[in-house]
Amino acid sequence: MHMFSKEKRFLGGHGIVGGQIGLGTGVAFAIQYQGEDLISVTMFGDGAARQGILHECFNMAMLWKLPVVYVCENNQYAMGTSVSRSSNVTEIYRLACAYDMPSERVDGMDVFAVYEAMEKAAQHARSGQGPYLLEVLTYRYRGHSMSDPAKYRTREEVEKYREKDPIARLQNYLYTHNLVTNEELDRLEEEVAAEVADAVAFAEASPYPDPAQLYQDVYVQPDYPFLRGW
């Protein structure tokens, strides 16, 4: 939720459910206003798709033909409520139909299907034709958080989706087409594990920030004569 990288144009996650839909739409407006050859990729979950801001932003984005690709990561559950229990419309990509926004549903467990769909949607948004919605069907193996035992689903359901795991499927593809060896994959996993371990060690060894930073970038003191001395 708190990751952010200006260099990689990654604007982070947000604690308000669905809040990023409005922010991502605003980024797309800024891109269009400044005439940049960029697009805004705005990701949210199936739970956030139930927020009213989604409809306001869809309408605005289509009206102004903003360069934004909306990506709904539908992992079947919000925090603990299934899609079928939270809406009469379980095919989330159809929500775009009310605004004449092109949309499609994609198998999120297939790396190549997601790549092809994203390439198509990005080209659409970049060409000036406006927004595009992708509903990416995937699954969450564990609970929403460490305190979530995920008792709202069966073990059989989880195992059924594990059989479609996108990483395992991609690994099998690479093996089948002789694109990688066991040694290369083992080395890659070791590098990733080391990178994660280094990040954890850095975080745990870092000092707590000064409490005064709580007020940093929160308030601005305008230089108006009648406000001086406040």
Protein backbone atom coordinates (compact mmCIF):
# COMPACT_ATOMS: atom_id res chain seq x y z
CA MET A 1 0.00 0.00 0.00
CA HIS A 2 2.84 2.39 0.77
CA MET A 3 5.18 1.62 -2.13
CA PHE A 4 5.95 4.54 -4.43
CA SER A 5 8.52 5.20 -7.15
CA LYS A 6 8.71 8.47 -9.03
CA GLU A 7 11.47 7.08 -11.27
CA LYS A 8 9.30 4.17 -12.44
CA ARG A 9 6.15 6.33 -12.60
CA PHE A 10 4.52 4.12 -9.98
CA LEU A 11 2.20 6.27 -7.89
CA GLY A 12 1.57 3.77 -5.13
CA GLY A 13 -1.43 2.20 -3.46
CA HIS A 14 -4.05 3.98 -1.40
CA GLY A 15 -5.84 3.15 1.85
CA ILE A 16 -9.23 4.42 0.70
CA VAL A 17 -10.98 1.63 -1.18
CA GLY A 18 -11.43 2.79 -4.77
CA GLY A 19 -9.55 6.04 -4.16
CA GLN A 20 -6.97 5.21 -6.80
CA ILE A 21 -9.67 5.13 -9.49
CA GLY A 22 -10.16 8.87 -9.15
CA LEU A 23 -6.44 9.57 -8.80
CA GLY A 24 -5.59 7.48 -11.86
CA THR A 25 -8.26 9.26 -13.86
CA GLY A 26 -6.80 12.58 -12.72
CA VAL A 27 -3.34 11.46 -13.86
CA ALA A 28 -4.81 10.65 -17.28
CA PHE A 29 -6.33 14.13 -17.44
CA ALA A 30 -2.93 15.65 -16.60
CA ILE A 31 -1.27 13.56 -19.33
CA GLN A 32 -3.82 14.76 -21.88
CA TYR A 33 -3.63 18.38 -20.70
CA GLN A 34 0.17 18.45 -20.94
CA GLY A 35 0.21 16.65 -24.29
CA GLU A 36 2.43 13.79 -23.12
CA ASP A 37 2.74 10.48 -24.96
CA LEU A 38 1.82 8.45 -21.88
CA ILE A 39 -1.14 6.55 -20.48
CA SER A 40 -2.42 6.00 -16.97
CA VAL A 41 -2.84 2.37 -15.89
CA THR A 42 -5.26 2.38 -12.97
CA MET A 43 -5.61 -0.88 -11.05
CA PHE A 44 -8.26 -1.80 -8.50
CA GLY A 45 -9.92 -4.90 -7.09
CA ASP A 46 -13.39 -6.37 -7.42
CA GLY A 47 -14.32 -4.86 -4.06
CA ALA A 48 -13.36 -1.36 -5.19
CA ALA A 49 -15.49 -1.82 -8.31
CA ARG A 50 -18.54 -1.37 -6.05
CA GLN A 51 -17.59 2.20 -5.17
CA GLY A 52 -19.51 5.10 -6.68
CA ILE A 53 -16.33 6.86 -7.77
CA LEU A 54 -15.86 4.21 -10.46
CA HIS A 55 -18.99 5.35 -12.30
CA GLU A 56 -18.13 9.03 -11.99
CA CYS A 57 -14.66 8.40 -13.40
CA PHE A 58 -15.87 6.11 -16.19
CA ASN A 59 -18.28 8.81 -17.33
CA MET A 60 -15.64 11.55 -17.16
CA ALA A 61 -12.96 9.47 -18.88
CA MET A 62 -15.25 8.60 -21.78
CA LEU A 63 -16.58 12.14 -22.08
CA TRP A 64 -13.07 13.58 -22.40
CA LYS A 65 -11.48 10.50 -24.04
CA LEU A 66 -8.78 10.30 -21.39
CA PRO A 67 -5.75 8.02 -21.96
CA VAL A 68 -6.42 5.58 -19.14
CA VAL A 69 -6.56 1.79 -18.94
CA TYR A 70 -8.64 0.58 -16.00
CA VAL A 71 -7.57 -2.85 -14.77
CA CYS A 72 -9.86 -4.65 -12.35
CA GLU A 73 -8.01 -7.45 -10.59
CA ASN A 74 -10.95 -9.74 -9.86
CA ASN A 75 -9.70 -12.35 -7.41
CA GLN A 76 -13.28 -13.41 -6.54
CA TYR A 77 -13.33 -11.86 -3.06
CA ALA A 78 -13.08 -8.36 -1.63
CA MET A 79 -11.95 -8.65 2.00
CA GLY A 80 -14.12 -11.69 2.60
CA THR A 81 -17.24 -11.15 0.49
CA SER A 82 -17.51 -12.95 -2.83
CA VAL A 83 -18.41 -11.05 -5.98
CA SER A 84 -21.71 -12.92 -6.27
CA ARG A 85 -22.76 -11.70 -2.81
CA SER A 86 -21.90 -8.05 -3.41
CA SER A 87 -23.46 -7.31 -6.80
CA ASN A 88 -26.07 -8.52 -9.23
CA VAL A 89 -23.53 -7.94 -12.01
CA THR A 90 -20.75 -10.48 -11.51
CA GLU A 91 -19.09 -9.82 -14.88
CA ILE A 92 -17.36 -6.60 -13.90
CA TYR A 93 -16.18 -5.74 -17.42
CA ARG A 94 -19.84 -5.20 -18.36
CA LEU A 95 -20.00 -2.13 -16.10
CA ALA A 96 -18.19 -0.25 -18.86
CA CYS A 97 -21.05 -0.88 -21.30
CA ALA A 98 -23.15 1.85 -19.68
CA TYR A 99 -20.59 4.39 -20.85
CA ASP A 100 -19.82 2.86 -24.28
CA MET A 101 -16.35 2.10 -23.00
CA PRO A 102 -14.62 -0.86 -24.69
CA SER A 103 -13.90 -3.65 -22.25
CA GLU A 104 -13.10 -7.34 -21.99
CA ARG A 105 -12.54 -10.14 -19.52
CA VAL A 106 -9.12 -11.79 -19.44
CA ASP A 107 -7.76 -14.99 -17.92
CA GLY A 108 -5.46 -13.56 -15.28
CA MET A 109 -3.87 -16.95 -14.71
CA ASP A 110 -2.42 -16.85 -18.25
CA VAL A 111 0.61 -14.54 -18.56
CA PHE A 112 0.39 -14.37 -22.35
CA ALA A 113 -3.34 -13.62 -22.39
CA VAL A 114 -2.82 -10.72 -19.99
CA TYR A 115 0.11 -9.40 -22.04
CA GLU A 116 -1.87 -9.44 -25.29
CA ALA A 117 -4.95 -7.84 -23.72
CA MET A 118 -2.88 -5.15 -22.03
CA GLU A 119 -1.03 -4.37 -25.27
CA LYS A 120 -4.36 -3.94 -27.07
CA ALA A 121 -5.84 -1.75 -24.34
CA ALA A 122 -2.70 0.40 -24.08
CA GLN A 123 -2.63 1.03 -27.83
CA HIS A 124 -6.30 2.01 -27.71
CA ALA A 125 -5.76 4.53 -24.90
CA ARG A 126 -2.56 5.90 -26.41
CA SER A 127 -4.17 6.46 -29.82
CA GLY A 128 -6.57 9.06 -28.43
CA GLN A 129 -9.65 6.85 -28.48
CA GLY A 130 -10.17 7.09 -24.74
CA PRO A 131 -10.30 4.61 -21.84
CA TYR A 132 -10.42 0.82 -21.81
CA LEU A 133 -11.47 -1.59 -19.06
CA LEU A 134 -9.85 -4.97 -18.47
CA GLU A 135 -11.31 -7.40 -15.95
CA VAL A 136 -8.48 -9.76 -15.07
CA LEU A 137 -9.78 -12.98 -13.52
CA THR A 138 -7.38 -14.33 -10.92
CA TYR A 139 -7.45 -15.72 -7.39
CA ARG A 140 -6.13 -14.99 -3.91
CA TYR A 141 -4.75 -18.11 -2.23
CA ARG A 142 -4.47 -16.63 1.25
CA GLY A 143 -6.61 -14.39 3.40
CA HIS A 144 -6.97 -10.67 2.83
CA SER A 145 -4.46 -10.02 5.62
CA MET A 146 -2.55 -11.90 8.30
CA SER A 147 -5.62 -11.72 10.54
CA ASP A 148 -7.91 -13.27 7.92
CA PRO A 149 -8.29 -17.10 8.27
CA ALA A 150 -10.29 -17.16 4.99
CA LYS A 151 -13.02 -19.42 6.37
CA TYR A 152 -15.49 -18.10 3.80
CA ARG A 153 -14.25 -20.59 1.18
CA THR A 154 -13.30 -24.25 1.00
CA ARG A 155 -9.87 -25.81 0.79
CA GLU A 156 -11.00 -27.59 -2.37
CA GLU A 157 -11.71 -24.26 -4.04
CA VAL A 158 -8.23 -22.95 -3.24
CA GLU A 159 -6.56 -26.11 -4.54
CA LYS A 160 -8.58 -25.93 -7.75
CA TYR A 161 -7.13 -22.50 -8.50
CA ARG A 162 -3.62 -23.52 -7.47
CA GLU A 163 -3.68 -25.96 -10.37
CA LYS A 164 -3.94 -22.93 -12.68
CA ASP A 165 -1.16 -20.96 -10.99
CA PRO A 166 0.24 -18.51 -13.60
CA ILE A 167 3.84 -18.82 -12.39
CA ALA A 168 3.77 -22.62 -12.64
CA ARG A 169 2.09 -22.42 -16.05
CA LEU A 170 4.73 -20.02 -17.34
CA GLN A 171 7.48 -22.20 -15.91
CA ASN A 172 6.07 -25.23 -17.73
CA TYR A 173 5.92 -23.23 -20.96
CA LEU A 174 9.55 -22.19 -20.62
CA TYR A 175 10.59 -25.79 -19.98
CA THR A 176 8.53 -27.16 -22.84
CA HIS A 177 10.03 -24.71 -25.32
CA ASN A 178 13.57 -25.10 -23.97
CA LEU A 179 13.78 -21.42 -23.08
CA VAL A 180 15.23 -21.92 -19.59
CA THR A 181 17.04 -24.50 -17.48
CA ASN A 182 16.47 -25.61 -13.90
CA GLU A 183 19.75 -24.01 -12.92
CA GLU A 184 18.75 -20.65 -14.38
CA LEU A 185 15.41 -20.65 -12.56
CA ASP A 186 17.05 -21.70 -9.29
CA ARG A 187 19.56 -18.87 -9.64
CA LEU A 188 16.74 -16.38 -10.34
CA GLU A 189 14.82 -17.51 -7.25
CA GLU A 190 17.95 -17.14 -5.14
CA GLU A 191 18.52 -13.61 -6.44
CA VAL A 192 14.93 -12.60 -5.69
CA ALA A 193 15.08 -14.13 -2.19
CA ALA A 194 18.33 -12.26 -1.49
CA GLU A 195 16.85 -8.97 -2.73
CA VAL A 196 13.80 -9.39 -0.48
CA ALA A 197 15.99 -10.33 2.51
CA ASP A 198 18.14 -7.23 1.96
CA ALA A 199 15.03 -5.02 1.82
CA VAL A 200 13.68 -6.51 5.06
CA ALA A 201 17.03 -6.08 6.80
CA PHE A 202 17.23 -2.46 5.64
CA ALA A 203 13.72 -1.74 6.92
CA GLU A 204 14.31 -3.35 10.30
CA ALA A 205 17.63 -1.54 10.76
CA SER A 206 16.28 1.86 9.77
CA PRO A 207 15.45 4.38 12.52
CA TYR A 208 11.90 5.53 13.10
CA PRO A 209 11.14 8.88 11.42
CA ASP A 210 10.95 12.06 13.42
CA PRO A 211 7.36 12.66 14.64
CA ALA A 212 7.52 16.13 13.06
CA GLN A 213 7.37 14.47 9.64
CA LEU A 214 3.69 13.73 10.30
CA TYR A 215 3.02 17.31 9.23
CA GLN A 216 5.29 17.28 6.18
CA ASP A 217 3.50 17.79 2.83
CA VAL A 218 0.13 17.96 4.60
CA TYR A 219 -0.46 21.67 5.05
CA VAL A 220 0.61 24.71 3.03
CA GLN A 221 0.92 28.19 4.53
CA PRO A 222 -0.17 30.65 1.80
CA ASP A 223 1.67 33.93 1.82
CA TYR A 224 -1.42 36.09 2.20
CA PRO A 225 -0.99 39.27 4.30
CA PHE A 226 -4.09 38.57 6.41
CA LEU A 227 -2.77 35.10 7.31
CA ARG A 228 0.66 36.20 8.51
CA GLY A 229 1.20 35.46 12.15
CA TRP A 230 -1.18 32.49 12.23
